[in-house]
Amino acid sequence: MDHLVETIAILTDEERREFRAFIQRRRSKKERKDLELFDILASQDELKPREIAGKLYGKPMLNAYHTLRKRLVKELLDFTMLKSMDEDNTSYSTLLGMLAMARRLIDKNRADIARRYLDKAEQLALQTETFDLLDNIYNLKIRYAHELDMDVTQIISSAQKYREEAEVEEKVNMAYGLIRQRLNEIRLTGETRSLSSLMTSVLREINLDEDRIVSPSLMFLLVSMTRSAVIATKNYHLFDPYVTAIYDRLVQAEAFSKKDHLHHLWFLYMIAHVKYRNRDFEAARKYVDELTERVSDFNKLHYNRFYPRVVMLDAAVYSYMQENEEAIRILQNALGDDRLNLSVEDKCNMTLNLAVYHFQAEDFRSANRVLRDMGHSDKWLENRMGVEWRFKKNLIEIIVQVEMGNSEIALSRIASMDRYFSGFFENEMYQRARIFLGLIKHVIEKPESVTTEAFSKKVDDTIIRLPGHREDIQAMTFYCWLKSKMQRRPYYPVLVETVRSFGKEHPSE
């Protein structure tokens, strides 16, 4: 596929409107061929270059077409860069702006003002431990030390002092790439290996001593990047002891200061979340409580960022600790509190979770109403939340329809999902999802066979394949619905019993 078409395809409707306005900001109405080309490529019509050129110029002027493509690519790059800086609430974009301003002032022979920007940038980079940009700041100071009226010897001394920190950060990035590759190999081979031993091996490979990393920000960088790989492969059982040990080491070293508050919160959240995913709910409750206590300390922005996460995790833990009504209350209060200024993603996740908790309370009509009133089409939700999120939502909707006695609606939606998610099901990680759809269909069409030993064996053989301590908790919740049908019992007690029994019999490694 055309790389430019692919780039345009990832833009949301709102971003496309913003880009059109961006293009028009400096072009006359008579000169908008780039906008015409953008609209043609965004139309999803599969046209050849000669056909596109014909639409633009009335004849196949391919040289003009390729020149126009280059201009459109540059405008997309400029737009993306400006949008990224506008949306970046961190210090990184501020530092980039200060560096750019300093360079421009030096070019305009205003080194006196440029020095002020560079000094401020140096202080901010040191405070935020942004070592890669700190190196750029020092290089600029060294290069223009004479114009800036600065002591180059002193600058070089400072640069050498912090270059070692930058080297550690660079090696942390290398470690992430290697860890992600090793975790994927483990997933493919089924090898059993602790994340701690894997980390030790990788750090030795790149000649980095983990004990040298005493900075919470660098340890957070390493752990959070590792966590993203763990989430992708769902190897939560490996991550639990690893992140907990690192956090305990940092606490023992009294490494968390006021400036590290954000990293402290992230560590608490990561531990609480992985304890929850590994079904160690009592331990998860402890870390959620500590996170709740600390989240409002020092910085209101941190509170706004973390509170939605705390709320959702808090409700989930309550749900599995047999306090489903409390889970419903927590999410209803959060969704009804306009002061929270929730993001679209947070609202969607809370709403979906709330529907699940209503379902667990056997209030199927409320669950259906919550799902129905989400306020967005499935396609919009997929673009914003991802295909896996949409799949889970559609699956929950089907199960709700089954419980409401709407068999025909459920069967129709199963057929639609089977068609729509055909590509999704080809991924090895989601092959069980298609099997599960088939089992729901079986429950609807042949309810009399659901309690038989043959059906029970079929479910066990196809749904639960991983050892209990590695089975994803979300996958288990769907399995428990089938189990409740096989046992002719209410869903929620079966869910709580099954999940907690797996947690006891197969503790996290």
Protein backbone atom coordinates (compact mmCIF):
# COMPACT_ATOMS: atom_id res chain seq x y z
CA MET A 1 0.00 0.00 0.00
CA ASP A 2 1.09 3.60 -0.66
CA HIS A 3 2.95 4.86 2.44
CA LEU A 4 1.37 8.30 2.08
CA VAL A 5 -2.11 6.77 1.94
CA GLU A 6 -1.28 4.71 5.04
CA THR A 7 -0.10 7.84 6.86
CA ILE A 8 -3.32 9.70 6.03
CA ALA A 9 -5.42 6.66 7.01
CA ILE A 10 -4.27 6.81 10.65
CA LEU A 11 -5.57 10.38 11.06
CA THR A 12 -8.87 10.73 12.89
CA ASP A 13 -11.71 12.80 11.41
CA GLU A 14 -10.82 15.64 13.77
CA GLU A 15 -7.14 15.50 12.81
CA ARG A 16 -8.07 15.60 9.13
CA ARG A 17 -10.11 18.75 9.71
CA GLU A 18 -7.19 20.28 11.60
CA PHE A 19 -4.77 19.36 8.82
CA ARG A 20 -6.98 20.94 6.16
CA ALA A 21 -7.01 24.15 8.19
CA PHE A 22 -3.22 23.86 8.59
CA ILE A 23 -2.72 23.61 4.81
CA GLN A 24 -4.99 26.56 4.11
CA ARG A 25 -3.32 28.84 6.66
CA ARG A 26 -0.90 30.30 4.11
CA ARG A 27 -2.24 29.37 0.67
CA SER A 28 -4.45 31.37 -1.60
CA LYS A 29 -7.74 29.88 -2.72
CA LYS A 30 -6.30 29.47 -6.23
CA GLU A 31 -3.42 27.28 -5.05
CA ARG A 32 -4.72 24.27 -3.19
CA LYS A 33 -3.58 21.30 -5.22
CA ASP A 34 -1.99 19.82 -2.11
CA LEU A 35 -5.38 19.92 -0.37
CA GLU A 36 -7.01 18.32 -3.42
CA LEU A 37 -4.39 15.56 -3.36
CA PHE A 38 -4.96 15.05 0.37
CA ASP A 39 -8.71 14.63 -0.16
CA ILE A 40 -8.17 12.20 -3.04
CA LEU A 41 -5.78 10.04 -0.99
CA ALA A 42 -8.08 10.21 2.04
CA SER A 43 -11.07 9.00 0.02
CA GLN A 44 -9.85 5.35 0.16
CA ASP A 45 -10.34 5.00 -3.60
CA GLU A 46 -7.55 2.80 -4.95
CA LEU A 47 -6.26 4.96 -7.80
CA LYS A 48 -3.02 4.70 -9.75
CA PRO A 49 -0.66 7.71 -9.98
CA ARG A 50 -1.73 8.47 -13.58
CA GLU A 51 -5.39 8.50 -12.51
CA ILE A 52 -4.69 10.81 -9.58
CA ALA A 53 -2.64 13.15 -11.77
CA GLY A 54 -5.50 13.21 -14.26
CA LYS A 55 -7.93 14.26 -11.53
CA LEU A 56 -5.58 17.02 -10.38
CA TYR A 57 -4.42 18.48 -13.69
CA GLY A 58 -6.83 17.17 -16.30
CA LYS A 59 -4.03 15.11 -17.82
CA PRO A 60 -1.40 12.66 -16.45
CA MET A 61 1.34 15.15 -15.45
CA LEU A 62 3.35 12.68 -13.36
CA ASN A 63 6.32 14.98 -12.63
CA ALA A 64 4.00 17.64 -11.20
CA TYR A 65 2.14 14.94 -9.27
CA HIS A 66 5.30 13.59 -7.59
CA THR A 67 6.44 17.12 -6.72
CA LEU A 68 3.06 17.76 -5.14
CA ARG A 69 3.32 14.49 -3.16
CA LYS A 70 6.64 15.61 -1.69
CA ARG A 71 5.09 18.91 -0.64
CA LEU A 72 2.16 17.10 0.99
CA VAL A 73 4.52 14.76 2.87
CA LYS A 74 6.45 17.76 4.22
CA GLU A 75 3.23 19.46 5.31
CA LEU A 76 2.10 16.28 7.09
CA LEU A 77 5.45 16.13 8.90
CA ASP A 78 5.21 19.81 9.93
CA PHE A 79 1.62 19.34 11.10
CA THR A 80 2.48 16.22 13.11
CA MET A 81 5.45 17.91 14.76
CA LEU A 82 3.44 21.00 15.77
CA LYS A 83 0.52 18.88 17.01
CA SER A 84 2.84 16.67 19.05
CA MET A 85 4.44 19.68 20.70
CA ASP A 86 1.03 21.22 21.35
CA GLU A 87 -0.25 18.02 23.01
CA ASP A 88 2.96 17.33 24.95
CA ASN A 89 2.42 18.42 28.56
CA THR A 90 5.91 17.35 29.60
CA SER A 91 9.07 19.43 29.82
CA TYR A 92 10.51 17.83 26.68
CA SER A 93 8.66 20.07 24.23
CA THR A 94 9.53 23.12 26.36
CA LEU A 95 13.22 22.22 26.17
CA LEU A 96 13.04 21.71 22.42
CA GLY A 97 11.44 25.14 22.08
CA MET A 98 14.14 26.77 24.22
CA LEU A 99 16.89 25.14 22.15
CA ALA A 100 15.31 26.24 18.89
CA MET A 101 14.90 29.81 20.20
CA ALA A 102 18.52 29.92 21.42
CA ARG A 103 19.84 28.78 18.02
CA ARG A 104 17.76 31.41 16.24
CA LEU A 105 18.89 34.17 18.59
CA ILE A 106 22.54 33.21 18.06
CA ASP A 107 22.01 33.34 14.28
CA LYS A 108 20.51 36.84 14.73
CA ASN A 109 23.54 37.98 16.79
CA ARG A 110 21.57 38.17 20.05
CA ALA A 111 23.78 35.82 22.04
CA ASP A 112 23.05 37.71 25.28
CA ILE A 113 19.38 36.65 25.14
CA ALA A 114 20.27 33.17 23.80
CA ARG A 115 22.39 32.57 26.92
CA ARG A 116 19.37 33.18 29.16
CA TYR A 117 17.36 30.58 27.25
CA LEU A 118 20.22 28.06 27.39
CA ASP A 119 20.73 28.56 31.14
CA LYS A 120 17.01 28.08 31.79
CA ALA A 121 16.99 25.01 29.54
CA GLU A 122 19.98 23.56 31.42
CA GLN A 123 18.23 24.00 34.78
CA LEU A 124 15.01 22.41 33.49
CA ALA A 125 16.87 19.49 31.88
CA LEU A 126 18.71 18.81 35.15
CA GLN A 127 15.50 19.00 37.18
CA THR A 128 13.69 16.58 34.86
CA GLU A 129 16.78 14.42 34.13
CA THR A 130 16.32 14.88 30.39
CA PHE A 131 19.90 13.89 29.66
CA ASP A 132 19.69 13.56 25.88
CA LEU A 133 18.64 17.20 25.50
CA LEU A 134 21.05 18.29 28.24
CA ASP A 135 23.86 16.99 26.03
CA ASN A 136 22.55 19.12 23.15
CA ILE A 137 22.45 22.18 25.43
CA TYR A 138 26.06 21.71 26.48
CA ASN A 139 27.18 21.13 22.90
CA LEU A 140 25.54 24.38 21.83
CA LYS A 141 27.16 26.25 24.72
CA ILE A 142 30.59 24.81 23.91
CA ARG A 143 30.29 25.63 20.22
CA TYR A 144 29.28 29.25 20.83
CA ALA A 145 31.07 29.81 24.16
CA HIS A 146 32.88 32.88 22.80
CA GLU A 147 29.69 34.56 21.52
CA LEU A 148 27.87 33.61 24.74
CA ASP A 149 30.73 34.98 26.89
CA MET A 150 31.01 31.71 28.82
CA ASP A 151 33.93 29.71 30.26
CA VAL A 152 34.25 26.74 27.90
CA THR A 153 36.33 24.77 30.46
CA GLN A 154 33.51 24.94 32.98
CA ILE A 155 30.93 23.92 30.38
CA ILE A 156 33.02 20.89 29.33
CA SER A 157 33.37 19.85 32.99
CA SER A 158 29.58 19.97 33.45
CA ALA A 159 29.00 18.11 30.18
CA GLN A 160 31.37 15.29 31.18
CA LYS A 161 29.73 15.04 34.60
CA TYR A 162 26.29 14.32 33.15
CA ARG A 163 27.35 12.41 30.04
CA GLU A 164 27.63 9.24 32.12
CA GLU A 165 23.98 9.67 33.13
CA ALA A 166 23.07 10.06 29.46
CA GLU A 167 25.01 6.88 28.66
CA VAL A 168 23.03 4.97 31.29
CA GLU A 169 19.77 6.26 29.78
CA GLU A 170 20.91 5.19 26.32
CA LYS A 171 21.73 1.71 27.57
CA VAL A 172 18.33 1.51 29.26
CA ASN A 173 16.78 2.03 25.84
CA MET A 174 18.97 -0.73 24.42
CA ALA A 175 17.87 -3.00 27.26
CA TYR A 176 14.22 -2.38 26.41
CA GLY A 177 14.69 -3.48 22.81
CA LEU A 178 16.48 -6.65 23.87
CA ILE A 179 13.96 -7.44 26.63
CA ARG A 180 11.06 -7.09 24.23
CA GLN A 181 12.74 -9.43 21.77
CA ARG A 182 13.53 -12.00 24.48
CA LEU A 183 9.96 -11.90 25.84
CA ASN A 184 8.60 -12.56 22.37
CA GLU A 185 10.95 -15.54 22.03
CA ILE A 186 9.75 -16.85 25.41
CA ARG A 187 6.14 -16.52 24.27
CA LEU A 188 6.83 -18.45 21.07
CA THR A 189 8.89 -21.23 22.68
CA GLY A 190 6.93 -21.56 25.93
CA GLU A 191 10.17 -21.26 27.91
CA THR A 192 9.81 -20.64 31.66
CA ARG A 193 12.13 -17.92 32.88
CA SER A 194 11.89 -15.20 35.52
CA LEU A 195 11.99 -11.61 34.36
CA SER A 196 14.73 -10.88 36.92
CA SER A 197 17.10 -13.44 35.40
CA LEU A 198 16.19 -12.22 31.92
CA MET A 199 16.93 -8.64 32.96
CA THR A 200 20.26 -9.62 34.53
CA SER A 201 21.28 -11.38 31.33
CA VAL A 202 20.33 -8.43 29.12
CA LEU A 203 22.06 -5.85 31.32
CA ARG A 204 25.21 -7.96 31.36
CA GLU A 205 25.03 -8.17 27.56
CA ILE A 206 25.10 -4.36 27.22
CA ASN A 207 27.59 -3.92 30.08
CA LEU A 208 25.21 -2.08 32.41
CA ASP A 209 25.19 -2.71 36.16
CA GLU A 210 21.61 -2.45 37.45
CA ASP A 211 22.94 -1.23 40.82
CA ARG A 212 24.24 1.87 39.02
CA ILE A 213 20.67 2.85 38.19
CA VAL A 214 19.70 4.60 41.42
CA SER A 215 17.58 7.25 39.72
CA PRO A 216 13.81 6.57 40.04
CA SER A 217 13.24 8.19 36.63
CA LEU A 218 15.69 5.87 34.86
CA MET A 219 14.45 2.81 36.73
CA PHE A 220 10.91 3.84 35.81
CA LEU A 221 11.94 4.17 32.17
CA LEU A 222 13.38 0.66 32.19
CA VAL A 223 10.48 -0.89 34.11
CA SER A 224 7.71 0.87 32.16
CA MET A 225 9.21 -0.13 28.81
CA THR A 226 9.50 -3.69 30.05
CA ARG A 227 5.89 -3.50 31.25
CA SER A 228 4.67 -2.54 27.77
CA ALA A 229 6.27 -5.70 26.41
CA VAL A 230 4.75 -7.74 29.24
CA ILE A 231 1.27 -6.37 28.50
CA ALA A 232 1.67 -7.18 24.80
CA THR A 233 2.57 -10.79 25.62
CA LYS A 234 0.36 -11.01 28.77
CA ASN A 235 3.27 -12.43 30.81
CA TYR A 236 2.03 -10.74 34.01
CA HIS A 237 3.32 -13.55 36.22
CA LEU A 238 6.88 -12.62 35.20
CA PHE A 239 6.47 -8.91 35.86
CA ASP A 240 5.07 -9.06 39.40
CA PRO A 241 8.14 -10.11 41.41
CA TYR A 242 10.42 -8.06 39.15
CA VAL A 243 8.72 -4.67 39.57
CA THR A 244 8.04 -5.25 43.27
CA ALA A 245 11.70 -6.01 43.98
CA ILE A 246 12.88 -2.89 42.13
CA TYR A 247 10.37 -0.71 43.96
CA ASP A 248 11.38 -2.12 47.33
CA ARG A 249 15.05 -1.46 46.50
CA LEU A 250 14.30 2.18 45.61
CA VAL A 251 12.25 2.67 48.79
CA GLN A 252 15.01 1.13 50.92
CA ALA A 253 17.53 3.48 49.30
CA GLU A 254 15.17 6.41 50.00
CA ALA A 255 15.45 7.29 46.33
CA PHE A 256 12.00 8.90 45.95
CA SER A 257 12.14 12.64 46.55
CA LYS A 258 9.51 15.29 45.86
CA LYS A 259 10.68 15.66 42.25
CA ASP A 260 10.21 11.90 41.77
CA HIS A 261 6.61 11.95 42.97
CA LEU A 262 5.23 11.13 39.52
CA HIS A 263 7.53 8.12 39.18
CA HIS A 264 6.60 7.00 42.70
CA LEU A 265 2.91 7.05 41.73
CA TRP A 266 3.62 5.08 38.56
CA PHE A 267 5.49 2.39 40.48
CA LEU A 268 2.59 2.04 42.92
CA TYR A 269 0.12 1.82 40.05
CA MET A 270 2.16 -0.74 38.11
CA ILE A 271 2.48 -2.96 41.18
CA ALA A 272 -1.20 -2.64 42.10
CA HIS A 273 -2.23 -3.39 38.53
CA VAL A 274 -0.02 -6.46 38.12
CA LYS A 275 -1.15 -7.81 41.53
CA TYR A 276 -4.73 -7.43 40.28
CA ARG A 277 -3.99 -9.12 36.94
CA ASN A 278 -2.32 -11.98 38.82
CA ARG A 279 -5.38 -12.25 41.11
CA ASP A 280 -3.55 -11.31 44.30
CA PHE A 281 -6.39 -9.01 45.29
CA GLU A 282 -5.44 -8.47 48.94
CA ALA A 283 -1.99 -7.23 47.90
CA ALA A 284 -3.53 -5.14 45.11
CA ARG A 285 -5.85 -3.54 47.67
CA LYS A 286 -2.84 -2.50 49.79
CA TYR A 287 -1.08 -0.76 46.90
CA VAL A 288 -4.29 0.85 45.63
CA ASP A 289 -4.88 2.30 49.10
CA GLU A 290 -1.35 3.69 49.25
CA LEU A 291 -1.70 5.12 45.74
CA THR A 292 -5.00 6.76 46.75
CA GLU A 293 -3.32 8.37 49.76
CA ARG A 294 -0.34 9.68 47.80
CA VAL A 295 -1.98 10.69 44.52
CA SER A 296 -3.03 14.15 45.72
CA ASP A 297 0.38 15.06 47.18
CA PHE A 298 2.45 17.92 45.72
CA ASN A 299 0.96 18.29 42.25
CA LYS A 300 -2.67 18.63 41.15
CA LEU A 301 -1.73 17.60 37.59
CA HIS A 302 -0.59 14.22 38.92
CA TYR A 303 -3.93 13.83 40.68
CA ASN A 304 -5.84 14.53 37.46
CA ARG A 305 -3.68 12.07 35.54
CA PHE A 306 -3.88 9.22 38.02
CA TYR A 307 -7.29 9.50 39.58
CA PRO A 308 -9.17 7.80 36.70
CA ARG A 309 -6.68 4.89 36.81
CA VAL A 310 -7.05 4.62 40.58
CA VAL A 311 -10.84 4.65 40.32
CA MET A 312 -10.98 1.86 37.71
CA LEU A 313 -8.46 -0.32 39.52
CA ASP A 314 -10.16 0.32 42.86
CA ALA A 315 -13.54 -0.75 41.44
CA ALA A 316 -12.06 -3.85 39.78
CA VAL A 317 -10.43 -5.03 43.01
CA TYR A 318 -13.65 -4.47 44.96
CA SER A 319 -15.53 -6.48 42.35
CA TYR A 320 -13.31 -9.53 42.73
CA MET A 321 -13.37 -9.22 46.50
CA GLN A 322 -17.14 -9.84 46.39
CA GLU A 323 -18.09 -6.18 46.81
CA ASN A 324 -19.68 -5.65 43.41
CA GLU A 325 -22.11 -2.97 44.61
CA GLU A 326 -19.19 -0.89 45.83
CA ALA A 327 -17.56 -1.25 42.40
CA ILE A 328 -20.76 0.06 40.76
CA ARG A 329 -20.97 2.97 43.20
CA ILE A 330 -17.35 4.00 42.58
CA LEU A 331 -17.73 4.13 38.80
CA GLN A 332 -21.16 5.80 38.86
CA ASN A 333 -19.78 8.54 41.10
CA ALA A 334 -16.71 9.03 38.90
CA LEU A 335 -18.71 9.18 35.66
CA GLY A 336 -21.16 11.63 37.23
CA ASP A 337 -18.48 13.98 38.59
CA ASP A 338 -17.93 16.78 36.05
CA ARG A 339 -14.98 18.11 38.08
CA LEU A 340 -12.83 15.12 37.07
CA ASN A 341 -12.56 16.24 33.42
CA LEU A 342 -12.23 12.63 32.25
CA SER A 343 -10.67 11.87 28.87
CA VAL A 344 -12.68 10.07 26.18
CA GLU A 345 -10.61 6.93 26.79
CA ASP A 346 -11.24 7.02 30.54
CA LYS A 347 -14.98 7.50 30.03
CA CYS A 348 -15.15 4.60 27.58
CA ASN A 349 -13.22 2.25 29.87
CA MET A 350 -15.24 3.22 32.94
CA THR A 351 -18.51 2.84 31.04
CA LEU A 352 -17.61 -0.61 29.76
CA ASN A 353 -16.53 -1.71 33.24
CA LEU A 354 -19.73 -0.33 34.73
CA ALA A 355 -21.78 -2.38 32.27
CA VAL A 356 -19.86 -5.49 33.35
CA TYR A 357 -20.52 -4.81 37.05
CA HIS A 358 -24.25 -4.34 36.35
CA PHE A 359 -24.13 -7.67 34.50
CA GLN A 360 -22.49 -9.31 37.51
CA ALA A 361 -25.34 -7.98 39.64
CA GLU A 362 -27.76 -9.65 37.17
CA ASP A 363 -29.11 -6.21 36.28
CA PHE A 364 -29.01 -6.96 32.57
CA ARG A 365 -31.23 -4.09 31.53
CA SER A 366 -28.94 -1.57 33.21
CA ALA A 367 -25.93 -3.23 31.59
CA ASN A 368 -27.62 -3.00 28.19
CA ARG A 369 -28.59 0.63 28.77
CA VAL A 370 -25.05 1.61 29.74
CA LEU A 371 -23.63 -0.04 26.61
CA ARG A 372 -26.34 1.44 24.37
CA ASP A 373 -25.83 4.96 25.73
CA MET A 374 -22.08 5.03 25.18
CA GLY A 375 -22.68 7.70 22.54
CA HIS A 376 -20.33 6.57 19.77
CA SER A 377 -20.43 4.15 16.85
CA ASP A 378 -18.39 0.95 17.01
CA LYS A 379 -16.13 2.22 14.22
CA TRP A 380 -15.44 5.43 16.11
CA LEU A 381 -14.69 3.45 19.25
CA GLU A 382 -12.35 1.13 17.36
CA ASN A 383 -10.41 4.09 15.95
CA ARG A 384 -10.09 5.62 19.42
CA MET A 385 -9.78 2.57 21.68
CA GLY A 386 -8.41 -0.17 19.41
CA VAL A 387 -9.75 -3.30 17.76
CA GLU A 388 -9.30 -5.51 20.86
CA TRP A 389 -11.33 -3.06 22.97
CA ARG A 390 -14.13 -3.04 20.40
CA PHE A 391 -14.10 -6.84 20.29
CA LYS A 392 -14.54 -7.07 24.07
CA LYS A 393 -17.37 -4.55 23.99
CA ASN A 394 -19.19 -6.43 21.20
CA LEU A 395 -18.69 -9.72 23.03
CA ILE A 396 -20.15 -8.28 26.23
CA GLU A 397 -23.12 -6.93 24.26
CA ILE A 398 -23.83 -10.40 22.87
CA ILE A 399 -23.73 -12.05 26.29
CA VAL A 400 -26.05 -9.36 27.68
CA GLN A 401 -28.51 -10.07 24.84
CA VAL A 402 -28.35 -13.80 25.61
CA GLU A 403 -29.20 -13.14 29.27
CA MET A 404 -32.07 -10.87 28.26
CA GLY A 405 -33.51 -13.70 26.16
CA ASN A 406 -32.84 -11.99 22.81
CA SER A 407 -31.40 -15.05 21.08
CA GLU A 408 -31.96 -13.87 17.52
CA ILE A 409 -30.24 -10.56 18.17
CA ALA A 410 -27.30 -12.40 19.78
CA LEU A 411 -26.97 -14.83 16.85
CA SER A 412 -27.10 -11.99 14.35
CA ARG A 413 -24.34 -10.16 16.19
CA ILE A 414 -22.22 -13.31 16.42
CA ALA A 415 -22.43 -13.65 12.62
CA SER A 416 -21.49 -9.99 12.18
CA MET A 417 -18.52 -10.31 14.54
CA ASP A 418 -17.32 -13.46 12.81
CA ARG A 419 -17.19 -11.58 9.53
CA TYR A 420 -15.82 -8.28 10.80
CA PHE A 421 -13.05 -9.68 13.01
CA SER A 422 -11.84 -12.37 10.59
CA GLY A 423 -8.42 -10.70 10.29
CA PHE A 424 -8.24 -10.16 14.06
CA PHE A 425 -8.83 -13.88 14.66
CA GLU A 426 -5.81 -14.80 12.52
CA ASN A 427 -3.52 -13.47 15.24
CA GLU A 428 -2.36 -16.41 17.38
CA MET A 429 -3.20 -14.56 20.62
CA TYR A 430 -6.86 -14.18 19.58
CA GLN A 431 -7.65 -17.56 18.04
CA ARG A 432 -9.48 -18.54 21.25
CA ALA A 433 -11.77 -15.55 20.76
CA ARG A 434 -13.29 -17.08 17.62
CA ILE A 435 -13.71 -20.40 19.44
CA PHE A 436 -15.47 -18.59 22.26
CA LEU A 437 -17.93 -17.02 19.82
CA GLY A 438 -18.72 -20.50 18.54
CA LEU A 439 -19.35 -21.72 22.08
CA ILE A 440 -21.77 -18.86 22.76
CA LYS A 441 -23.63 -19.85 19.60
CA HIS A 442 -23.74 -23.44 20.89
CA VAL A 443 -25.23 -22.22 24.21
CA ILE A 444 -27.98 -20.38 22.32
CA GLU A 445 -28.82 -23.08 19.80
CA LYS A 446 -28.36 -26.20 21.96
CA PRO A 447 -28.98 -25.15 25.57
CA GLU A 448 -29.89 -28.71 26.59
CA SER A 449 -26.33 -29.92 25.86
CA VAL A 450 -24.56 -27.25 27.88
CA THR A 451 -24.63 -29.25 31.12
CA THR A 452 -23.27 -32.42 29.50
CA GLU A 453 -19.80 -33.81 30.11
CA ALA A 454 -19.05 -33.61 26.39
CA PHE A 455 -19.64 -29.84 26.31
CA SER A 456 -17.62 -29.36 29.51
CA LYS A 457 -14.68 -31.20 27.96
CA LYS A 458 -14.98 -29.15 24.79
CA VAL A 459 -14.82 -25.93 26.78
CA ASP A 460 -11.85 -27.07 28.86
CA ASP A 461 -9.95 -28.22 25.79
CA THR A 462 -10.49 -25.04 23.79
CA ILE A 463 -10.72 -22.16 26.27
CA ILE A 464 -8.27 -22.82 29.09
CA ARG A 465 -4.88 -23.72 27.67
CA LEU A 466 -2.45 -21.77 29.82
CA PRO A 467 -1.47 -22.85 33.34
CA GLY A 468 -3.74 -21.20 35.88
CA HIS A 469 -1.14 -18.68 37.08
CA ARG A 470 -0.62 -17.45 33.51
CA GLU A 471 -4.24 -17.29 32.38
CA ASP A 472 -5.33 -13.73 31.66
CA ILE A 473 -7.95 -12.60 34.16
CA GLN A 474 -10.06 -10.96 31.47
CA ALA A 475 -10.13 -14.16 29.42
CA MET A 476 -11.15 -16.06 32.54
CA THR A 477 -14.15 -13.78 33.14
CA PHE A 478 -15.62 -14.82 29.79
CA TYR A 479 -14.84 -18.47 30.48
CA CYS A 480 -16.66 -18.22 33.81
CA TRP A 481 -19.86 -17.20 32.04
CA LEU A 482 -19.76 -20.52 30.15
CA LYS A 483 -18.92 -22.31 33.37
CA SER A 484 -21.95 -20.78 35.10
CA LYS A 485 -24.15 -22.10 32.29
CA MET A 486 -22.66 -25.56 32.60
CA GLN A 487 -23.26 -25.55 36.37
CA ARG A 488 -26.65 -23.78 36.13
CA ARG A 489 -25.51 -21.25 38.71
CA PRO A 490 -25.44 -17.43 38.80
CA TYR A 491 -22.45 -15.97 36.99
CA TYR A 492 -20.96 -13.72 39.70
CA PRO A 493 -20.39 -16.36 42.41
CA VAL A 494 -18.85 -18.68 39.81
CA LEU A 495 -16.57 -15.86 38.64
CA VAL A 496 -15.33 -14.98 42.13
CA GLU A 497 -14.80 -18.61 43.14
CA THR A 498 -12.97 -19.55 39.95
CA VAL A 499 -10.68 -16.54 39.83
CA ARG A 500 -9.77 -16.71 43.50
CA SER A 501 -9.24 -20.48 43.43
CA PHE A 502 -6.78 -20.10 40.55
CA GLY A 503 -4.99 -17.42 42.55
CA LYS A 504 -4.59 -19.79 45.53
CA GLU A 505 -3.61 -22.88 43.61
CA HIS A 506 -1.23 -21.08 41.23
CA PRO A 507 0.36 -18.12 43.00
CA SER A 508 2.31 -15.59 40.99
CA GLU A 509 5.89 -16.55 40.44
